[in-house]
Amino acid sequence: MTTSQQPSQPSHSSAAPPPCPPPAQPGDEPFLSLHSAVVLLGAVLIGIVVGGLGHLGGVHPALAVLAGLTAAGGAVPVLRALIR
């Protein structure tokens, strides 16, 4: 019968914590905040759905685009108030 030996594991008790990341520079802020990006993405999605459904429903393509743009524009203030 043989016994299996487990490899020795290094001791982590004396290891120093990882260094902190450098502070953010003034030009490092994002172009859009996360809130704005989510609101605009939701509005674009709503506009695409409304325009696509209008087009599939037999509406002239120009009117379907207009309906999608109107829905996206109307969704921005609603999503802004809902997503907080």
C-alpha atoms as a PDB file:
ATOM      1  CA  MET A   1       0.000   0.000   0.000  1.00  0.00           C
ATOM      2  CA  THR A   2       1.325   3.406  -0.893  1.00  0.00           C
ATOM      3  CA  THR A   3       0.380   6.666   0.666  1.00  0.00           C
ATOM      4  CA  SER A   4      -0.209   9.747  -1.423  1.00  0.00           C
ATOM      5  CA  GLN A   5       1.722  12.809  -0.498  1.00  0.00           C
ATOM      6  CA  GLN A   6       0.184  16.216  -0.919  1.00  0.00           C
ATOM      7  CA  PRO A   7       2.436  18.966  -2.232  1.00  0.00           C
ATOM      8  CA  SER A   8       3.439  21.530   0.307  1.00  0.00           C
ATOM      9  CA  GLN A   9       1.502  24.750   0.011  1.00  0.00           C
ATOM     10  CA  PRO A  10       3.233  28.075   0.529  1.00  0.00           C
ATOM     11  CA  SER A  11       2.366  30.030   3.609  1.00  0.00           C
ATOM     12  CA  HIS A  12       0.388  33.198   2.858  1.00  0.00           C
ATOM     13  CA  SER A  13       0.535  34.606   6.364  1.00  0.00           C
ATOM     14  CA  SER A  14       3.523  36.844   5.659  1.00  0.00           C
ATOM     15  CA  ALA A  15       2.401  38.034   2.204  1.00  0.00           C
ATOM     16  CA  ALA A  16       1.685  41.735   1.868  1.00  0.00           C
ATOM     17  CA  PRO A  17      -1.732  42.819   0.594  1.00  0.00           C
ATOM     18  CA  PRO A  18      -1.911  43.778  -3.076  1.00  0.00           C
ATOM     19  CA  PRO A  19      -1.129  47.424  -3.784  1.00  0.00           C
ATOM     20  CA  CYS A  20      -3.987  49.868  -4.237  1.00  0.00           C
ATOM     21  CA  PRO A  21      -4.723  51.096  -7.765  1.00  0.00           C
ATOM     22  CA  PRO A  22      -3.561  54.613  -8.554  1.00  0.00           C
ATOM     23  CA  PRO A  23      -6.085  57.400  -7.988  1.00  0.00           C
ATOM     24  CA  ALA A  24      -8.269  58.346 -10.940  1.00  0.00           C
ATOM     25  CA  GLN A  25      -7.025  61.173 -13.087  1.00  0.00           C
ATOM     26  CA  PRO A  26      -9.364  64.084 -13.946  1.00  0.00           C
ATOM     27  CA  GLY A  27      -9.681  62.896 -17.568  1.00  0.00           C
ATOM     28  CA  ASP A  28     -10.540  59.299 -16.571  1.00  0.00           C
ATOM     29  CA  GLU A  29     -14.261  59.790 -15.980  1.00  0.00           C
ATOM     30  CA  PRO A  30     -16.507  57.846 -18.372  1.00  0.00           C
ATOM     31  CA  PHE A  31     -18.139  59.486 -21.372  1.00  0.00           C
ATOM     32  CA  LEU A  32     -21.592  58.403 -20.124  1.00  0.00           C
ATOM     33  CA  SER A  33     -22.608  57.368 -16.656  1.00  0.00           C
ATOM     34  CA  LEU A  34     -23.982  53.880 -16.180  1.00  0.00           C
ATOM     35  CA  HIS A  35     -27.449  55.319 -15.567  1.00  0.00           C
ATOM     36  CA  SER A  36     -27.410  57.286 -18.837  1.00  0.00           C
ATOM     37  CA  ALA A  37     -26.143  54.309 -20.807  1.00  0.00           C
ATOM     38  CA  VAL A  38     -28.880  52.024 -19.468  1.00  0.00           C
ATOM     39  CA  VAL A  39     -31.596  54.616 -20.121  1.00  0.00           C
ATOM     40  CA  LEU A  40     -30.442  55.260 -23.689  1.00  0.00           C
ATOM     41  CA  LEU A  41     -30.020  51.551 -24.419  1.00  0.00           C
ATOM     42  CA  GLY A  42     -33.542  50.869 -23.164  1.00  0.00           C
ATOM     43  CA  ALA A  43     -34.941  53.724 -25.255  1.00  0.00           C
ATOM     44  CA  VAL A  44     -33.192  52.450 -28.393  1.00  0.00           C
ATOM     45  CA  LEU A  45     -34.522  48.956 -27.749  1.00  0.00           C
ATOM     46  CA  ILE A  46     -38.066  50.278 -27.315  1.00  0.00           C
ATOM     47  CA  GLY A  47     -37.746  52.330 -30.504  1.00  0.00           C
ATOM     48  CA  ILE A  48     -36.526  49.336 -32.503  1.00  0.00           C
ATOM     49  CA  VAL A  49     -39.360  47.157 -31.225  1.00  0.00           C
ATOM     50  CA  VAL A  50     -42.045  49.761 -31.960  1.00  0.00           C
ATOM     51  CA  GLY A  51     -40.654  50.539 -35.417  1.00  0.00           C
ATOM     52  CA  GLY A  52     -40.240  46.860 -36.254  1.00  0.00           C
ATOM     53  CA  LEU A  53     -43.751  46.001 -35.128  1.00  0.00           C
ATOM     54  CA  GLY A  54     -45.118  48.915 -37.132  1.00  0.00           C
ATOM     55  CA  HIS A  55     -43.311  47.756 -40.237  1.00  0.00           C
ATOM     56  CA  LEU A  56     -44.478  44.166 -39.755  1.00  0.00           C
ATOM     57  CA  GLY A  57     -48.007  45.493 -39.300  1.00  0.00           C
ATOM     58  CA  GLY A  58     -48.004  46.906 -42.815  1.00  0.00           C
ATOM     59  CA  VAL A  59     -47.214  50.559 -42.077  1.00  0.00           C
ATOM     60  CA  HIS A  60     -45.103  52.432 -44.639  1.00  0.00           C
ATOM     61  CA  PRO A  61     -41.399  52.137 -43.652  1.00  0.00           C
ATOM     62  CA  ALA A  62     -40.998  55.892 -43.205  1.00  0.00           C
ATOM     63  CA  LEU A  63     -43.916  55.976 -40.769  1.00  0.00           C
ATOM     64  CA  ALA A  64     -42.537  52.947 -38.930  1.00  0.00           C
ATOM     65  CA  VAL A  65     -39.207  54.765 -38.481  1.00  0.00           C
ATOM     66  CA  LEU A  66     -41.036  57.866 -37.297  1.00  0.00           C
ATOM     67  CA  ALA A  67     -43.032  55.787 -34.804  1.00  0.00           C
ATOM     68  CA  GLY A  68     -39.840  54.157 -33.518  1.00  0.00           C
ATOM     69  CA  LEU A  69     -38.089  57.502 -33.079  1.00  0.00           C
ATOM     70  CA  THR A  70     -41.128  58.927 -31.302  1.00  0.00           C
ATOM     71  CA  ALA A  71     -41.321  55.915 -28.987  1.00  0.00           C
ATOM     72  CA  ALA A  72     -37.596  56.115 -28.201  1.00  0.00           C
ATOM     73  CA  GLY A  73     -37.833  59.832 -27.461  1.00  0.00           C
ATOM     74  CA  GLY A  74     -40.871  59.342 -25.260  1.00  0.00           C
ATOM     75  CA  ALA A  75     -39.251  56.474 -23.405  1.00  0.00           C
ATOM     76  CA  VAL A  76     -36.214  58.466 -22.256  1.00  0.00           C
ATOM     77  CA  PRO A  77     -37.936  60.540 -19.524  1.00  0.00           C
ATOM     78  CA  VAL A  78     -39.993  57.559 -18.373  1.00  0.00           C
ATOM     79  CA  LEU A  79     -36.955  55.271 -18.126  1.00  0.00           C
ATOM     80  CA  ARG A  80     -34.953  58.038 -16.459  1.00  0.00           C
ATOM     81  CA  ALA A  81     -37.582  58.294 -13.731  1.00  0.00           C
ATOM     82  CA  LEU A  82     -37.992  54.518 -13.363  1.00  0.00           C
ATOM     83  CA  ILE A  83     -34.316  53.548 -13.290  1.00  0.00           C
ATOM     84  CA  ARG A  84     -32.824  55.065 -10.167  1.00  0.00           C
END
